[in-house]
Amino acid sequence: MWEYTELVQEHFLHPRNVGEIESPSGMGDVGSLACGDALKLTLKVDENDIIVDAKFKTFGCASAIASSSALTEMIKGKHIDEAAKITNQDIADFLGGLPKEKMHCSVMGREALEAAIADYRGTVLPMAEGEIVCECFGVTDLEIIRAIKESNLRSVEEITNFTKAGGGCGKCEEKLSNLLRATVGETFEIKAIDKKPQRMTALQKIKKIEEVLEREIKPGLRKDGGDIELIDVDGDFVLVSLRGACTSCAKSQTTLKQYVEKKLRELVLDTLIVEDAKP
């Protein structure tokens, strides 16, 4: 299981500023449902360029929700120029730290803030002008280079943790290695790509679980008025929340173990353990 700080848990269980500002001064919309993480950030800025309100809507894991909630708290009351200096590490530090595998959630928050500020100012995001390196998650070379420099990344695995690049099909691993060499400008060891079947990365696992839930599990539950939501994936522990008729069903635990867990073990990984994310 990931070790979440008390602040991460607090902002996940009781997120601040959830929603969307009507007629916002600026809006940042990053990620996508297909990628497993999406965030919409809306800002209200007054005549003195002070952010007087900030709200978010997010689709993602506990870290994504907590990072988005923390971000809105951090920027409210700040001048737009001051808010623009906030980094993903600042978001992680505000929460008392994030697991290295979840750092991309704070990066998504920073990107949404940059997009919202650019929208407010009527400018184009420099990162958007880069060349797409990871087609699975739409990550550009400029985003990867910035992450390498700012967070002192020294491996492809670290790049994946911070940007999600390489966490899908893995076809961009060589490009990531080349960008790492070119950016760091020093000799370091990069393991050769093993052509044998490898254990799924955390991001690959999450994506596969989401696909199976949507294609195989949700349709069956919806026929009986129920539903299910993926809350987080911590190692082999899959945290979900039952919805609709499933919440009051006396056989809800049977549904989790004999239907959901069994199906995920069959189609994703035979070591997965499904648990109910208690409110």
C-alpha atoms as a PDB file:
ATOM      1  CA  MET A   1       0.000   0.000   0.000  1.00  0.00           C
ATOM      2  CA  TRP A   2       1.153   3.563  -0.691  1.00  0.00           C
ATOM      3  CA  GLU A   3       2.088   5.487   2.447  1.00  0.00           C
ATOM      4  CA  TYR A   4      -0.002   8.655   2.313  1.00  0.00           C
ATOM      5  CA  THR A   5       0.592  11.523   4.717  1.00  0.00           C
ATOM      6  CA  GLU A   6      -2.232  12.712   6.953  1.00  0.00           C
ATOM      7  CA  LEU A   7      -2.596  15.814   4.784  1.00  0.00           C
ATOM      8  CA  VAL A   8      -2.981  13.749   1.616  1.00  0.00           C
ATOM      9  CA  GLN A   9      -5.659  11.659   3.299  1.00  0.00           C
ATOM     10  CA  GLU A  10      -7.405  14.777   4.611  1.00  0.00           C
ATOM     11  CA  HIS A  11      -7.518  16.478   1.194  1.00  0.00           C
ATOM     12  CA  PHE A  12      -8.662  13.238  -0.435  1.00  0.00           C
ATOM     13  CA  LEU A  13     -11.450  12.490   2.027  1.00  0.00           C
ATOM     14  CA  HIS A  14     -12.467  16.149   2.449  1.00  0.00           C
ATOM     15  CA  PRO A  15     -11.377  17.974  -0.713  1.00  0.00           C
ATOM     16  CA  ARG A  16     -11.625  21.744  -0.750  1.00  0.00           C
ATOM     17  CA  ASN A  17     -13.060  23.933  -3.515  1.00  0.00           C
ATOM     18  CA  VAL A  18     -14.671  21.189  -5.586  1.00  0.00           C
ATOM     19  CA  GLY A  19     -16.742  22.466  -8.484  1.00  0.00           C
ATOM     20  CA  GLU A  20     -16.506  24.901 -11.370  1.00  0.00           C
ATOM     21  CA  ILE A  21     -16.620  28.698 -11.388  1.00  0.00           C
ATOM     22  CA  GLU A  22     -19.214  30.180 -13.717  1.00  0.00           C
ATOM     23  CA  SER A  23     -17.691  32.557 -16.277  1.00  0.00           C
ATOM     24  CA  PRO A  24     -14.155  32.021 -14.954  1.00  0.00           C
ATOM     25  CA  SER A  25     -11.310  34.451 -15.560  1.00  0.00           C
ATOM     26  CA  GLY A  26      -9.139  31.537 -16.616  1.00  0.00           C
ATOM     27  CA  MET A  27      -9.559  27.789 -17.125  1.00  0.00           C
ATOM     28  CA  GLY A  28      -7.032  24.972 -17.362  1.00  0.00           C
ATOM     29  CA  ASP A  29      -8.169  21.587 -18.665  1.00  0.00           C
ATOM     30  CA  VAL A  30      -5.448  18.914 -18.694  1.00  0.00           C
ATOM     31  CA  GLY A  31      -5.237  15.139 -18.992  1.00  0.00           C
ATOM     32  CA  SER A  32      -8.065  12.968 -20.267  1.00  0.00           C
ATOM     33  CA  LEU A  33     -10.385  10.232 -19.041  1.00  0.00           C
ATOM     34  CA  ALA A  34      -8.742   7.860 -21.512  1.00  0.00           C
ATOM     35  CA  CYS A  35      -5.391   8.460 -19.799  1.00  0.00           C
ATOM     36  CA  GLY A  36      -6.838   7.779 -16.359  1.00  0.00           C
ATOM     37  CA  ASP A  37      -6.332  11.312 -15.005  1.00  0.00           C
ATOM     38  CA  ALA A  38      -8.119  14.529 -15.891  1.00  0.00           C
ATOM     39  CA  LEU A  39      -8.273  17.907 -14.151  1.00  0.00           C
ATOM     40  CA  LYS A  40     -10.227  21.080 -14.840  1.00  0.00           C
ATOM     41  CA  LEU A  41      -9.147  24.141 -12.859  1.00  0.00           C
ATOM     42  CA  THR A  42     -11.119  27.394 -12.964  1.00  0.00           C
ATOM     43  CA  LEU A  43      -9.969  30.719 -11.542  1.00  0.00           C
ATOM     44  CA  LYS A  44     -11.650  33.978 -10.600  1.00  0.00           C
ATOM     45  CA  VAL A  45      -9.209  36.896 -10.775  1.00  0.00           C
ATOM     46  CA  ASP A  46     -10.036  40.439  -9.636  1.00  0.00           C
ATOM     47  CA  GLU A  47      -9.008  43.784 -11.159  1.00  0.00           C
ATOM     48  CA  ASN A  48      -5.734  43.700  -9.203  1.00  0.00           C
ATOM     49  CA  ASP A  49      -4.736  40.305 -10.631  1.00  0.00           C
ATOM     50  CA  ILE A  50      -5.440  38.571  -7.327  1.00  0.00           C
ATOM     51  CA  ILE A  51      -6.903  35.051  -7.471  1.00  0.00           C
ATOM     52  CA  VAL A  52     -10.008  35.442  -5.319  1.00  0.00           C
ATOM     53  CA  ASP A  53     -11.426  31.969  -5.983  1.00  0.00           C
ATOM     54  CA  ALA A  54     -10.320  28.647  -7.438  1.00  0.00           C
ATOM     55  CA  LYS A  55     -12.272  25.449  -7.994  1.00  0.00           C
ATOM     56  CA  PHE A  56     -11.483  22.079  -9.496  1.00  0.00           C
ATOM     57  CA  LYS A  57     -13.028  18.980 -10.945  1.00  0.00           C
ATOM     58  CA  THR A  58     -10.823  15.923 -11.237  1.00  0.00           C
ATOM     59  CA  PHE A  59     -10.968  12.315 -12.349  1.00  0.00           C
ATOM     60  CA  GLY A  60      -8.194  10.276 -10.842  1.00  0.00           C
ATOM     61  CA  CYS A  61      -6.737   8.579  -7.793  1.00  0.00           C
ATOM     62  CA  ALA A  62      -6.484   9.780  -4.202  1.00  0.00           C
ATOM     63  CA  SER A  63      -3.254  11.661  -4.950  1.00  0.00           C
ATOM     64  CA  ALA A  64      -4.826  13.456  -7.908  1.00  0.00           C
ATOM     65  CA  ILE A  65      -7.770  14.607  -5.800  1.00  0.00           C
ATOM     66  CA  ALA A  66      -5.544  15.648  -2.897  1.00  0.00           C
ATOM     67  CA  SER A  67      -3.100  17.499  -5.178  1.00  0.00           C
ATOM     68  CA  SER A  68      -5.936  19.392  -6.879  1.00  0.00           C
ATOM     69  CA  SER A  69      -7.518  20.313  -3.556  1.00  0.00           C
ATOM     70  CA  ALA A  70      -4.184  21.475  -2.133  1.00  0.00           C
ATOM     71  CA  LEU A  71      -3.443  23.539  -5.237  1.00  0.00           C
ATOM     72  CA  THR A  72      -6.664  25.533  -4.943  1.00  0.00           C
ATOM     73  CA  GLU A  73      -5.882  26.301  -1.299  1.00  0.00           C
ATOM     74  CA  MET A  74      -2.348  27.377  -2.202  1.00  0.00           C
ATOM     75  CA  ILE A  75      -3.300  29.851  -4.915  1.00  0.00           C
ATOM     76  CA  LYS A  76      -6.336  31.583  -3.437  1.00  0.00           C
ATOM     77  CA  GLY A  77      -5.387  35.095  -2.352  1.00  0.00           C
ATOM     78  CA  LYS A  78      -2.158  35.115  -4.385  1.00  0.00           C
ATOM     79  CA  HIS A  79      -1.258  37.531  -7.170  1.00  0.00           C
ATOM     80  CA  ILE A  80      -1.360  35.798 -10.546  1.00  0.00           C
ATOM     81  CA  ASP A  81       2.410  36.316 -10.978  1.00  0.00           C
ATOM     82  CA  GLU A  82       3.111  34.702  -7.607  1.00  0.00           C
ATOM     83  CA  ALA A  83       0.825  31.762  -8.364  1.00  0.00           C
ATOM     84  CA  ALA A  84       2.633  31.222 -11.671  1.00  0.00           C
ATOM     85  CA  LYS A  85       5.821  30.372  -9.760  1.00  0.00           C
ATOM     86  CA  ILE A  86       4.271  27.387  -7.959  1.00  0.00           C
ATOM     87  CA  THR A  87       5.887  24.087  -8.971  1.00  0.00           C
ATOM     88  CA  ASN A  88       4.715  20.506  -8.686  1.00  0.00           C
ATOM     89  CA  GLN A  89       7.237  20.027  -5.867  1.00  0.00           C
ATOM     90  CA  ASP A  90       5.593  22.902  -3.987  1.00  0.00           C
ATOM     91  CA  ILE A  91       2.261  21.044  -4.225  1.00  0.00           C
ATOM     92  CA  ALA A  92       3.825  17.797  -3.005  1.00  0.00           C
ATOM     93  CA  ASP A  93       5.586  19.618  -0.146  1.00  0.00           C
ATOM     94  CA  PHE A  94       2.314  21.298   0.883  1.00  0.00           C
ATOM     95  CA  LEU A  95       0.852  17.810   1.327  1.00  0.00           C
ATOM     96  CA  GLY A  96       3.837  16.567   3.293  1.00  0.00           C
ATOM     97  CA  GLY A  97       5.102  14.565   0.327  1.00  0.00           C
ATOM     98  CA  LEU A  98       3.731  12.100  -2.220  1.00  0.00           C
ATOM     99  CA  PRO A  99       4.843   8.552  -3.111  1.00  0.00           C
ATOM    100  CA  LYS A 100       7.314   8.740  -5.997  1.00  0.00           C
ATOM    101  CA  GLU A 101       4.911   6.718  -8.161  1.00  0.00           C
ATOM    102  CA  LYS A 102       2.279   9.443  -7.647  1.00  0.00           C
ATOM    103  CA  MET A 103       4.347  12.550  -8.365  1.00  0.00           C
ATOM    104  CA  HIS A 104       2.679  12.890 -11.778  1.00  0.00           C
ATOM    105  CA  CYS A 105      -0.471  13.968  -9.893  1.00  0.00           C
ATOM    106  CA  SER A 106       1.266  17.097  -8.590  1.00  0.00           C
ATOM    107  CA  VAL A 107       2.656  17.683 -12.095  1.00  0.00           C
ATOM    108  CA  MET A 108      -0.887  17.575 -13.483  1.00  0.00           C
ATOM    109  CA  GLY A 109      -1.908  20.217 -10.933  1.00  0.00           C
ATOM    110  CA  ARG A 110       0.954  22.483 -11.948  1.00  0.00           C
ATOM    111  CA  GLU A 111       0.082  22.023 -15.646  1.00  0.00           C
ATOM    112  CA  ALA A 112      -3.580  22.888 -15.014  1.00  0.00           C
ATOM    113  CA  LEU A 113      -2.504  26.044 -13.181  1.00  0.00           C
ATOM    114  CA  GLU A 114      -0.209  27.052 -16.035  1.00  0.00           C
ATOM    115  CA  ALA A 115      -3.005  26.443 -18.547  1.00  0.00           C
ATOM    116  CA  ALA A 116      -5.500  28.488 -16.496  1.00  0.00           C
ATOM    117  CA  ILE A 117      -3.054  31.393 -16.158  1.00  0.00           C
ATOM    118  CA  ALA A 118      -2.262  31.272 -19.881  1.00  0.00           C
ATOM    119  CA  ASP A 119      -5.996  31.337 -20.605  1.00  0.00           C
ATOM    120  CA  TYR A 120      -6.402  34.373 -18.334  1.00  0.00           C
ATOM    121  CA  ARG A 121      -3.487  36.175 -19.974  1.00  0.00           C
ATOM    122  CA  GLY A 122      -4.456  35.146 -23.490  1.00  0.00           C
ATOM    123  CA  THR A 123      -1.084  33.545 -24.176  1.00  0.00           C
ATOM    124  CA  VAL A 124       0.022  30.173 -25.583  1.00  0.00           C
ATOM    125  CA  LEU A 125       1.615  27.586 -23.300  1.00  0.00           C
ATOM    126  CA  PRO A 126       5.257  26.969 -24.344  1.00  0.00           C
ATOM    127  CA  MET A 127       4.960  23.284 -23.336  1.00  0.00           C
ATOM    128  CA  ALA A 128       2.158  22.830 -25.878  1.00  0.00           C
ATOM    129  CA  GLU A 129       4.555  23.649 -28.695  1.00  0.00           C
ATOM    130  CA  GLY A 130       6.749  20.625 -28.031  1.00  0.00           C
ATOM    131  CA  GLU A 131       6.887  17.363 -29.976  1.00  0.00           C
ATOM    132  CA  ILE A 132       4.785  14.480 -28.669  1.00  0.00           C
ATOM    133  CA  VAL A 133       7.069  11.756 -27.303  1.00  0.00           C
ATOM    134  CA  CYS A 134       4.569   9.573 -25.414  1.00  0.00           C
ATOM    135  CA  GLU A 135       1.469   9.055 -27.555  1.00  0.00           C
ATOM    136  CA  CYS A 136      -0.350   7.117 -24.825  1.00  0.00           C
ATOM    137  CA  PHE A 137      -0.445  10.136 -22.502  1.00  0.00           C
ATOM    138  CA  GLY A 138       0.282  13.007 -24.888  1.00  0.00           C
ATOM    139  CA  VAL A 139       3.531  14.077 -23.175  1.00  0.00           C
ATOM    140  CA  THR A 140       5.867  16.371 -25.127  1.00  0.00           C
ATOM    141  CA  ASP A 141       9.649  16.517 -25.184  1.00  0.00           C
ATOM    142  CA  LEU A 142       9.549  19.971 -23.562  1.00  0.00           C
ATOM    143  CA  GLU A 143       7.520  18.631 -20.621  1.00  0.00           C
ATOM    144  CA  ILE A 144       9.961  15.758 -20.157  1.00  0.00           C
ATOM    145  CA  ILE A 145      13.050  17.972 -20.378  1.00  0.00           C
ATOM    146  CA  ARG A 146      11.605  20.387 -17.813  1.00  0.00           C
ATOM    147  CA  ALA A 147      10.799  17.518 -15.430  1.00  0.00           C
ATOM    148  CA  ILE A 148      14.328  16.106 -15.786  1.00  0.00           C
ATOM    149  CA  LYS A 149      15.916  19.475 -15.019  1.00  0.00           C
ATOM    150  CA  GLU A 150      13.627  20.615 -12.216  1.00  0.00           C
ATOM    151  CA  SER A 151      13.348  17.306 -10.361  1.00  0.00           C
ATOM    152  CA  ASN A 152      16.865  16.002 -11.073  1.00  0.00           C
ATOM    153  CA  LEU A 153      15.557  12.838 -12.716  1.00  0.00           C
ATOM    154  CA  ARG A 154      18.118  10.199 -13.590  1.00  0.00           C
ATOM    155  CA  SER A 155      16.172   7.208 -14.943  1.00  0.00           C
ATOM    156  CA  VAL A 156      13.356   6.400 -17.323  1.00  0.00           C
ATOM    157  CA  GLU A 157      11.372   5.053 -14.364  1.00  0.00           C
ATOM    158  CA  GLU A 158      11.609   8.431 -12.639  1.00  0.00           C
ATOM    159  CA  ILE A 159      10.457  10.177 -15.816  1.00  0.00           C
ATOM    160  CA  THR A 160       7.399   7.896 -15.850  1.00  0.00           C
ATOM    161  CA  ASN A 161       6.655   8.634 -12.183  1.00  0.00           C
ATOM    162  CA  PHE A 162       6.720  12.386 -12.798  1.00  0.00           C
ATOM    163  CA  THR A 163       5.165  12.677 -16.282  1.00  0.00           C
ATOM    164  CA  LYS A 164       3.446   9.305 -17.000  1.00  0.00           C
ATOM    165  CA  ALA A 165       5.485   9.122 -20.227  1.00  0.00           C
ATOM    166  CA  GLY A 166       6.420   5.486 -20.841  1.00  0.00           C
ATOM    167  CA  GLY A 167       3.716   4.174 -18.530  1.00  0.00           C
ATOM    168  CA  GLY A 168       1.477   2.924 -21.334  1.00  0.00           C
ATOM    169  CA  CYS A 169       2.689   0.755 -24.193  1.00  0.00           C
ATOM    170  CA  GLY A 170       6.366   1.437 -23.461  1.00  0.00           C
ATOM    171  CA  LYS A 171       7.271   2.156 -27.105  1.00  0.00           C
ATOM    172  CA  CYS A 172       8.760   5.538 -26.205  1.00  0.00           C
ATOM    173  CA  GLU A 173      11.339   4.186 -23.721  1.00  0.00           C
ATOM    174  CA  GLU A 174      14.221   4.638 -26.162  1.00  0.00           C
ATOM    175  CA  LYS A 175      13.168   8.240 -26.847  1.00  0.00           C
ATOM    176  CA  LEU A 176      12.994   8.887 -23.115  1.00  0.00           C
ATOM    177  CA  SER A 177      16.496   7.456 -22.666  1.00  0.00           C
ATOM    178  CA  ASN A 178      17.834   9.676 -25.452  1.00  0.00           C
ATOM    179  CA  LEU A 179      16.183  12.767 -23.957  1.00  0.00           C
ATOM    180  CA  LEU A 180      17.642  11.881 -20.568  1.00  0.00           C
ATOM    181  CA  ARG A 181      21.159  11.562 -22.000  1.00  0.00           C
ATOM    182  CA  ALA A 182      20.866  14.790 -23.982  1.00  0.00           C
ATOM    183  CA  THR A 183      19.468  16.743 -21.033  1.00  0.00           C
ATOM    184  CA  VAL A 184      21.705  15.456 -18.247  1.00  0.00           C
ATOM    185  CA  GLY A 185      24.821  15.647 -20.362  1.00  0.00           C
ATOM    186  CA  GLU A 186      26.719  13.031 -18.397  1.00  0.00           C
ATOM    187  CA  THR A 187      27.315   9.282 -18.473  1.00  0.00           C
ATOM    188  CA  PHE A 188      24.924   7.121 -16.517  1.00  0.00           C
ATOM    189  CA  GLU A 189      23.716   3.563 -16.804  1.00  0.00           C
ATOM    190  CA  ILE A 190      20.489   2.787 -18.648  1.00  0.00           C
ATOM    191  CA  LYS A 191      19.342  -0.795 -18.519  1.00  0.00           C
ATOM    192  CA  ALA A 192      18.783  -2.468 -21.851  1.00  0.00           C
ATOM    193  CA  ILE A 193      15.149  -3.045 -22.718  1.00  0.00           C
ATOM    194  CA  ASP A 194      14.243  -6.638 -21.928  1.00  0.00           C
ATOM    195  CA  LYS A 195      12.234  -8.161 -24.753  1.00  0.00           C
ATOM    196  CA  LYS A 196      10.781 -10.778 -22.425  1.00  0.00           C
ATOM    197  CA  PRO A 197       7.410 -10.152 -20.802  1.00  0.00           C
ATOM    198  CA  GLN A 198       7.817  -7.618 -17.985  1.00  0.00           C
ATOM    199  CA  ARG A 199       5.791  -6.877 -14.900  1.00  0.00           C
ATOM    200  CA  MET A 200       3.359  -4.067 -15.553  1.00  0.00           C
ATOM    201  CA  THR A 201       4.273  -0.602 -14.358  1.00  0.00           C
ATOM    202  CA  ALA A 202       1.909   1.070 -11.885  1.00  0.00           C
ATOM    203  CA  LEU A 203       0.454   3.221 -14.663  1.00  0.00           C
ATOM    204  CA  GLN A 204       0.000   0.276 -17.020  1.00  0.00           C
ATOM    205  CA  LYS A 205      -1.783  -1.618 -14.254  1.00  0.00           C
ATOM    206  CA  ILE A 206      -4.132   1.289 -13.491  1.00  0.00           C
ATOM    207  CA  LYS A 207      -4.969   1.760 -17.151  1.00  0.00           C
ATOM    208  CA  LYS A 208      -5.688  -1.952 -17.621  1.00  0.00           C
ATOM    209  CA  ILE A 209      -7.880  -2.086 -14.507  1.00  0.00           C
ATOM    210  CA  GLU A 210      -9.866   0.930 -15.720  1.00  0.00           C
ATOM    211  CA  GLU A 211     -10.381  -0.710 -19.102  1.00  0.00           C
ATOM    212  CA  VAL A 212     -11.684  -3.939 -17.547  1.00  0.00           C
ATOM    213  CA  LEU A 213     -13.989  -2.052 -15.181  1.00  0.00           C
ATOM    214  CA  GLU A 214     -15.515  -0.090 -18.056  1.00  0.00           C
ATOM    215  CA  ARG A 215     -15.788  -2.977 -20.511  1.00  0.00           C
ATOM    216  CA  GLU A 216     -16.512  -6.015 -18.341  1.00  0.00           C
ATOM    217  CA  ILE A 217     -17.735  -5.023 -14.884  1.00  0.00           C
ATOM    218  CA  LYS A 218     -19.712  -1.770 -14.967  1.00  0.00           C
ATOM    219  CA  PRO A 219     -22.236  -2.935 -17.608  1.00  0.00           C
ATOM    220  CA  GLY A 220     -23.194  -5.928 -15.444  1.00  0.00           C
ATOM    221  CA  LEU A 221     -23.613  -3.839 -12.301  1.00  0.00           C
ATOM    222  CA  ARG A 222     -25.629  -1.175 -14.102  1.00  0.00           C
ATOM    223  CA  LYS A 223     -28.181  -3.732 -15.229  1.00  0.00           C
ATOM    224  CA  ASP A 224     -29.167  -4.092 -11.563  1.00  0.00           C
ATOM    225  CA  GLY A 225     -29.023  -0.365 -10.819  1.00  0.00           C
ATOM    226  CA  GLY A 226     -25.526  -0.421  -9.368  1.00  0.00           C
ATOM    227  CA  ASP A 227     -22.143   0.958 -10.358  1.00  0.00           C
ATOM    228  CA  ILE A 228     -18.527   1.037  -9.237  1.00  0.00           C
ATOM    229  CA  GLU A 229     -15.808   3.701  -9.112  1.00  0.00           C
ATOM    230  CA  LEU A 230     -12.065   3.129  -9.045  1.00  0.00           C
ATOM    231  CA  ILE A 231     -10.591   5.143  -6.164  1.00  0.00           C
ATOM    232  CA  ASP A 232      -6.942   4.103  -6.208  1.00  0.00           C
ATOM    233  CA  VAL A 233      -4.488   1.314  -6.980  1.00  0.00           C
ATOM    234  CA  ASP A 234      -1.885   0.756  -4.273  1.00  0.00           C
ATOM    235  CA  GLY A 235       0.458  -1.994  -5.398  1.00  0.00           C
ATOM    236  CA  ASP A 236      -1.796  -5.045  -5.771  1.00  0.00           C
ATOM    237  CA  PHE A 237      -4.591  -3.481  -3.710  1.00  0.00           C
ATOM    238  CA  VAL A 238      -7.445  -2.109  -5.825  1.00  0.00           C
ATOM    239  CA  LEU A 239      -9.553   0.363  -3.862  1.00  0.00           C
ATOM    240  CA  VAL A 240     -13.062   0.832  -5.235  1.00  0.00           C
ATOM    241  CA  SER A 241     -16.341   2.382  -4.154  1.00  0.00           C
ATOM    242  CA  LEU A 242     -19.672   0.761  -4.938  1.00  0.00           C
ATOM    243  CA  ARG A 243     -22.419   3.069  -6.181  1.00  0.00           C
ATOM    244  CA  GLY A 244     -26.194   3.030  -6.635  1.00  0.00           C
ATOM    245  CA  ALA A 245     -28.055  -0.106  -5.617  1.00  0.00           C
ATOM    246  CA  CYS A 246     -24.775  -1.834  -4.773  1.00  0.00           C
ATOM    247  CA  THR A 247     -24.249   0.364  -1.700  1.00  0.00           C
ATOM    248  CA  SER A 248     -27.287  -1.042   0.120  1.00  0.00           C
ATOM    249  CA  CYS A 249     -27.053  -4.583  -1.179  1.00  0.00           C
ATOM    250  CA  ALA A 250     -26.494  -7.221   1.499  1.00  0.00           C
ATOM    251  CA  LYS A 251     -24.253  -9.108  -0.913  1.00  0.00           C
ATOM    252  CA  SER A 252     -21.960  -6.175  -1.692  1.00  0.00           C
ATOM    253  CA  GLN A 253     -18.870  -7.929  -0.304  1.00  0.00           C
ATOM    254  CA  THR A 254     -19.692 -10.990  -2.365  1.00  0.00           C
ATOM    255  CA  THR A 255     -19.934  -8.754  -5.414  1.00  0.00           C
ATOM    256  CA  LEU A 256     -16.511  -7.284  -4.682  1.00  0.00           C
ATOM    257  CA  LYS A 257     -14.766 -10.600  -4.131  1.00  0.00           C
ATOM    258  CA  GLN A 258     -16.603 -13.089  -6.318  1.00  0.00           C
ATOM    259  CA  TYR A 259     -17.308 -10.783  -9.253  1.00  0.00           C
ATOM    260  CA  VAL A 260     -15.050  -7.726  -9.343  1.00  0.00           C
ATOM    261  CA  GLU A 261     -11.894  -9.256  -7.849  1.00  0.00           C
ATOM    262  CA  LYS A 262     -12.304 -12.507  -9.756  1.00  0.00           C
ATOM    263  CA  LYS A 263     -12.724 -10.672 -13.068  1.00  0.00           C
ATOM    264  CA  LEU A 264      -9.736  -8.378 -12.466  1.00  0.00           C
ATOM    265  CA  ARG A 265      -7.554 -11.328 -11.483  1.00  0.00           C
ATOM    266  CA  GLU A 266      -8.603 -13.133 -14.635  1.00  0.00           C
ATOM    267  CA  LEU A 267      -8.081 -10.238 -17.055  1.00  0.00           C
ATOM    268  CA  VAL A 268      -5.383  -8.071 -15.433  1.00  0.00           C
ATOM    269  CA  LEU A 269      -3.221  -9.718 -12.760  1.00  0.00           C
ATOM    270  CA  ASP A 270      -3.849 -12.798 -10.624  1.00  0.00           C
ATOM    271  CA  THR A 271      -2.426 -11.165  -7.467  1.00  0.00           C
ATOM    272  CA  LEU A 272      -4.877  -8.256  -7.288  1.00  0.00           C
ATOM    273  CA  ILE A 273      -6.886  -7.748  -4.098  1.00  0.00           C
ATOM    274  CA  VAL A 274     -10.079  -5.677  -4.308  1.00  0.00           C
ATOM    275  CA  GLU A 275     -11.110  -3.692  -1.247  1.00  0.00           C
ATOM    276  CA  ASP A 276     -13.923  -1.275  -0.497  1.00  0.00           C
ATOM    277  CA  ALA A 277     -12.672   2.285   0.029  1.00  0.00           C
ATOM    278  CA  LYS A 278     -14.567   3.256   3.134  1.00  0.00           C
ATOM    279  CA  PRO A 279     -15.758   6.899   3.231  1.00  0.00           C
END
